[in-house]
Protein backbone atom coordinates (compact mmCIF):
# COMPACT_ATOMS: atom_id res chain seq x y z
CA MET A 1 121.74 112.69 95.50
CA LYS A 2 118.97 110.76 98.08
CA ARG A 3 120.15 109.84 101.13
CA ARG A 4 120.05 106.23 102.55
CA ILE A 5 119.54 105.22 105.95
CA ALA A 6 120.07 102.02 107.41
CA LEU A 7 120.69 100.07 111.34
CA ALA A 8 123.78 97.89 111.45
CA LEU A 9 124.30 95.55 114.97
CA LEU A 10 127.40 95.02 114.63
CA HIS A 11 128.47 91.41 117.23
CA HIS A 12 131.98 91.72 116.05
CA PRO A 13 134.70 93.64 117.06
CA VAL A 14 133.01 94.66 120.37
CA LEU A 15 134.14 94.94 123.61
CA ASP A 16 133.73 93.25 126.45
CA ARG A 17 134.06 94.54 130.31
CA ALA A 18 136.76 93.75 130.77
CA GLY A 19 138.08 96.24 127.61
CA GLU A 20 139.50 92.79 125.38
CA VAL A 21 137.72 92.85 122.07
CA VAL A 22 135.69 89.47 121.54
CA THR A 23 132.86 88.35 119.21
CA THR A 24 128.94 87.77 120.79
CA SER A 25 126.33 85.85 119.49
CA MET A 26 122.99 86.52 117.83
CA THR A 27 120.20 86.72 118.66
CA ASN A 28 116.35 85.49 117.72
CA MET A 29 115.04 88.83 119.35
CA ASP A 30 118.02 91.39 117.66
CA LEU A 31 116.62 90.34 114.36
CA HIS A 32 113.03 90.74 115.23
CA ASP A 33 113.28 93.71 117.25
CA MET A 34 115.93 95.59 115.11
CA SER A 35 114.35 94.62 111.86
CA ARG A 36 111.00 96.08 113.15
CA SER A 37 112.46 99.90 114.59
CA ALA A 38 114.77 99.85 110.77
CA LYS A 39 110.75 99.39 109.53
CA SER A 40 108.72 101.97 111.49
CA TYR A 41 111.23 104.97 111.23
CA GLY A 42 112.00 103.98 107.45
CA LEU A 43 115.55 102.80 107.38
CA GLU A 44 116.56 101.47 104.26
CA ALA A 45 118.44 98.72 105.88
CA MET A 46 118.62 96.22 108.65
CA TYR A 47 122.19 94.86 108.72
CA VAL A 48 123.62 91.94 111.93
CA VAL A 49 127.46 91.80 110.99
CA HIS A 50 128.94 88.97 112.22
CA PRO A 51 132.19 87.10 111.01
CA ILE A 52 131.17 83.42 111.80
CA GLU A 53 129.72 81.54 108.90
CA ALA A 54 127.22 79.71 111.35
CA GLN A 55 125.98 83.03 113.09
CA ARG A 56 125.74 83.96 109.36
CA GLU A 57 123.74 80.97 108.07
CA LEU A 58 121.45 81.36 111.18
CA VAL A 59 120.21 84.77 110.69
CA ARG A 60 119.46 84.05 106.95
CA ARG A 61 117.24 80.99 108.47
CA ILE A 62 115.81 82.84 110.77
CA ARG A 63 115.07 85.25 108.22
CA ASP A 64 113.58 83.41 105.11
CA HIS A 65 111.48 81.31 107.60
CA TRP A 66 109.89 84.85 108.07
CA VAL A 67 110.29 85.82 104.51
CA GLU A 68 109.54 83.68 102.47
CA GLY A 69 108.83 80.60 104.47
CA SER A 70 105.96 78.64 106.77
CA GLY A 71 106.45 81.85 108.98
CA LYS A 72 105.50 84.02 106.56
CA ASN A 73 101.75 82.71 105.90
CA ARG A 74 101.32 82.22 109.97
CA ILE A 75 102.35 86.60 110.84
CA PRO A 76 102.32 88.19 107.72
CA ASP A 77 103.33 91.19 109.08
CA ARG A 78 106.07 90.28 110.27
CA ALA A 79 107.90 89.85 106.36
CA ILE A 80 107.28 93.34 106.09
CA ALA A 81 110.17 94.35 108.46
CA LEU A 82 112.53 91.15 108.20
CA GLU A 83 113.12 91.87 104.38
CA LEU A 84 115.05 94.71 105.48
CA LEU A 85 117.27 92.37 107.32
CA ARG A 86 120.55 91.82 105.98
CA CYS A 87 123.90 89.38 106.62
CA VAL A 88 127.42 90.66 106.04
CA VAL A 89 131.02 89.83 107.43
CA THR A 90 132.28 93.56 108.24
CA PHE A 91 131.04 96.94 108.86
CA GLU A 92 133.41 97.83 105.74
CA GLU A 93 130.25 95.47 103.74
CA ALA A 94 127.58 97.33 104.92
CA LEU A 95 128.66 100.22 104.04
CA ALA A 96 129.85 99.24 100.65
CA ASP A 97 126.34 97.27 100.02
CA LEU A 98 124.35 100.57 101.62
CA GLY A 99 126.16 102.55 99.24
CA SER A 100 125.80 100.25 96.10
CA GLU A 101 123.17 101.44 93.37
CA THR A 102 121.07 98.28 93.90
C-alpha cells in the first residue's frame, strides 16, 4: 500500500489565547508558503480547512488565479506548488479526500 502524506492548515476549530474555540481568517501567505513547503517535501496535497464559504471561495479564487489564470502566465513556477492546494470544510473531509483512490 502506498503511503499518502499531506499537510492540513486548520482554521477551525482552533483555540484563542483564552482557550475558546474560534475560527481564524485565511491569509494569502498561508496558501503560498504552505503549498511551496508541501511541494518541496513531496507531499500529495495541501489542505486548507475552513467552515466559512466566503473564505473557501477566496482560497479557490487565489488558487485559480495562479494555476489557471493570468498569474500562471506571469510566474509559472508558482502554479506547480499551488496545484496541490485543496480547500475543504472539515478535517474529516480532508482525510476522506486523501484516503480516496482518485
